[in-house]
Every structure is written in C-alpha cells, then in structure tokens.
Protein backbone atom coordinates (compact mmCIF):
# COMPACT_ATOMS: atom_id res chain seq x y z
CA MET A 1 -27.95 -136.16 -2.66
CA THR A 2 -27.69 -133.35 -5.16
CA LEU A 3 -30.23 -130.57 -5.06
CA VAL A 4 -31.45 -129.87 -8.57
CA PRO A 5 -33.58 -126.74 -8.95
CA GLY A 6 -37.16 -127.89 -9.16
CA GLY A 7 -36.21 -131.49 -8.34
CA PRO A 8 -37.84 -133.63 -5.64
CA ALA A 9 -35.10 -133.01 -3.08
CA THR A 10 -35.35 -129.24 -3.61
CA ARG A 11 -39.15 -129.34 -3.20
CA ALA A 12 -38.82 -131.42 -0.02
CA ALA A 13 -36.27 -128.99 1.42
CA THR A 14 -38.50 -126.02 0.53
CA ILE A 15 -41.57 -127.64 2.14
CA LYS A 16 -39.56 -128.41 5.30
CA ASP A 17 -38.30 -124.82 5.42
CA MET A 18 -41.83 -123.45 4.93
CA ALA A 19 -43.17 -125.71 7.69
CA ALA A 20 -40.48 -124.35 10.03
CA VAL A 21 -41.38 -120.75 9.11
CA LEU A 22 -45.08 -121.43 9.78
CA ALA A 23 -44.24 -123.07 13.12
CA TYR A 24 -41.98 -120.20 14.19
CA ILE A 25 -44.64 -117.62 13.25
CA GLY A 26 -47.30 -119.56 15.17
CA ALA A 27 -45.01 -119.85 18.20
CA ALA A 28 -44.15 -116.15 18.03
CA LEU A 29 -47.84 -115.20 17.95
CA VAL A 30 -48.57 -117.34 20.99
CA ALA A 31 -45.52 -116.09 22.91
CA ALA A 32 -46.35 -112.47 22.13
CA TRP A 33 -49.96 -113.01 23.19
CA GLY A 34 -48.70 -114.51 26.44
CA LEU A 35 -46.68 -111.36 27.04
CA ALA A 36 -49.66 -109.16 26.16
CA HIS A 37 -51.72 -111.27 28.54
CA VAL A 38 -49.38 -110.83 31.51
CA MET A 39 -48.76 -107.08 31.10
CA PRO A 40 -52.16 -105.84 32.39
CA THR A 41 -52.37 -108.27 35.33
CA ARG A 42 -52.26 -105.51 37.92
CA GLN A 43 -55.04 -103.55 36.19
CA VAL A 44 -57.16 -106.68 35.83
CA LEU A 45 -56.84 -107.42 39.54
CA SER A 46 -57.75 -103.87 40.49
CA GLY A 47 -60.88 -104.19 38.35
CA PHE A 48 -62.16 -106.84 40.76
CA GLU A 49 -61.79 -104.66 43.87
CA PRO A 50 -62.95 -105.04 46.55
CA ILE A 51 -62.02 -108.72 46.89
CA THR A 52 -60.36 -110.76 49.58
CA THR A 53 -56.61 -111.38 49.52
CA ASP A 54 -57.16 -115.07 48.81
CA ASN A 55 -59.46 -114.35 45.86
CA ARG A 56 -56.97 -111.80 44.56
CA ARG A 57 -54.22 -114.44 44.66
CA ILE A 58 -56.42 -116.99 42.88
CA ILE A 59 -57.33 -114.57 40.09
CA ALA A 60 -53.65 -113.60 39.70
CA GLN A 61 -52.66 -117.25 39.58
CA GLU A 62 -55.20 -118.09 36.88
CA TRP A 63 -54.42 -114.99 34.86
CA LEU A 64 -50.69 -115.74 34.92
CA ALA A 65 -51.24 -119.49 34.36
CA GLU A 66 -52.68 -118.76 30.93
CA ALA A 67 -49.64 -116.68 30.02
CA PHE A 68 -47.32 -119.46 31.22
CA THR A 69 -49.33 -121.96 29.17
CA MET A 70 -48.85 -119.82 26.07
CA TRP A 71 -45.12 -119.45 26.71
CA GLY A 72 -44.73 -123.18 27.34
CA THR A 73 -46.60 -124.02 24.15
CA ALA A 74 -44.43 -121.61 22.15
CA ALA A 75 -41.26 -123.02 23.72
CA MET A 76 -42.33 -126.59 22.93
CA VAL A 77 -42.99 -125.69 19.27
CA ILE A 78 -39.70 -123.83 18.96
CA ALA A 79 -37.79 -126.72 20.54
CA ALA A 80 -39.41 -129.28 18.24
CA THR A 81 -38.69 -127.09 15.22
CA ALA A 82 -35.11 -126.23 16.09
CA ALA A 83 -33.98 -129.60 17.46
CA PRO A 84 -31.57 -131.24 15.04
CA GLY A 85 -32.43 -134.78 14.05
CA THR A 86 -36.05 -134.56 15.18
CA ALA A 87 -38.12 -136.98 13.14
CA PRO A 88 -40.67 -135.16 10.96
CA ASP A 89 -43.55 -137.27 12.28
CA ILE A 90 -42.69 -136.42 15.90
CA ARG A 91 -42.42 -132.74 15.01
CA ALA A 92 -45.81 -132.93 13.27
CA TRP A 93 -47.44 -134.48 16.35
CA VAL A 94 -45.97 -131.78 18.59
CA TYR A 95 -47.51 -129.16 16.27
CA ARG A 96 -50.86 -130.99 16.32
CA ALA A 97 -50.88 -131.29 20.11
CA ALA A 98 -50.04 -127.58 20.46
CA SER A 99 -52.83 -126.78 17.99
CA ALA A 100 -55.32 -128.81 20.01
CA LEU A 101 -54.38 -126.93 23.18
CA LEU A 102 -54.65 -123.56 21.43
CA ILE A 103 -58.05 -124.43 19.96
CA SER A 104 -59.22 -125.58 23.40
CA LEU A 105 -58.13 -122.27 24.93
CA ALA A 106 -59.78 -120.38 22.05
CA VAL A 107 -63.09 -122.19 22.62
CA LEU A 108 -62.89 -121.63 26.39
CA THR A 109 -62.25 -117.92 25.84
CA ALA A 110 -65.02 -117.66 23.23
CA LEU A 111 -67.48 -119.14 25.71
CA THR A 112 -66.34 -117.01 28.65
CA GLY A 113 -64.19 -113.89 28.37
CA ALA A 114 -65.12 -113.06 24.77
CA ARG A 115 -68.72 -112.63 25.89
CA THR A 116 -67.67 -109.55 27.88
CA PRO A 117 -67.19 -106.09 26.34
CA VAL A 118 -63.38 -106.33 26.70
CA ILE A 119 -61.91 -106.18 23.18
CA TRP A 120 -58.81 -108.24 24.05
CA PHE A 121 -61.00 -111.19 25.04
CA LYS A 122 -62.76 -110.90 21.69
CA ILE A 123 -59.42 -110.93 19.80
CA CYS A 124 -58.01 -113.87 21.76
CA PRO A 125 -59.99 -116.74 20.15
CA ALA A 126 -59.17 -115.54 16.63
CA LEU A 127 -55.48 -115.07 17.44
CA LEU A 128 -55.17 -118.49 19.08
CA ALA A 129 -57.08 -120.12 16.21
CA ALA A 130 -54.77 -118.42 13.67
CA ALA A 131 -51.69 -119.73 15.49
CA ALA A 132 -53.27 -123.21 15.65
CA LEU A 133 -53.95 -123.13 11.90
CA LEU A 134 -50.34 -122.15 11.21
CA LEU A 135 -49.16 -125.10 13.30
CA LEU A 136 -51.60 -127.48 11.63
CA ALA A 137 -50.36 -126.32 8.21
CA ALA A 138 -46.78 -126.89 9.38
CA SER A 139 -47.71 -130.44 10.45
CA VAL A 140 -48.76 -131.51 6.97
CA PRO A 141 -45.98 -133.51 5.26
C-alpha cells in the first residue's frame, strides 16, 4: 500500500498514531497519579494516630492498593498500545475497560475522599475522568 498525502491510508495511519498518543498520555497520567498517591502514605497513616497496628496495616494496604491499581491500569494500556499485531478492536476494548475502572474509582473518590477538605482528593476524580476520556477517545475507530 502506498501512502499518498491526504489519502485514506494516510488518514488511517494518522488516526491510529493519534489514538496511541492519547492512550499513552492517559496511561502516563494514571501512572503519575499512582506515584503521587503512594508518596504520602507515611504521612497519611500518621494522620490517623492513635490507631491499632492492625488498623494501620489495613489503611496502608488500601492506600497502596489504589496506587497498584493505577499502575496496573497504566501498564495494561501501555501493553495494549505497544504490542505489535494487536487487533484494533481488542485494543479499543482494553481502553474502554480501563476507562470504566477509572470512572468507577473517580465516582468512589467523589463520594468519599473528595468530600473532605484534602485538595488531592478533590483533584483525583477530575484527573481520573480526564484520563478515562483520553482512553475513550483513543478507542474510537
């Protein structure tokens, strides 16, 4: 196939490239937010003092589990985007599934942590929704 400037093959290649860029940006946002989430874990735990050792472990587990979820979602999107020979419809469904998870986390945070005065909890739903929208845009053929 010959790529003619402005021809159908050129437009298809450009759309595929743009979808990959959107997916990588969405994944990067989620991965970075996961890192930002894990960094203050020690300070978050100290904010709950005094608590029992078991409760401290549970809070740490849940706090870190969200960061791991974000990293896993970003890794899944990057793998689906970078994998050679991945069918476009499979890639699109990976993006959609990741978007659904991110929107679910955004809603959960909006109903819980974002109702506190902590600014990072207020930013989280918007950031996760933005990443989800990027992935949904990347899933459109």
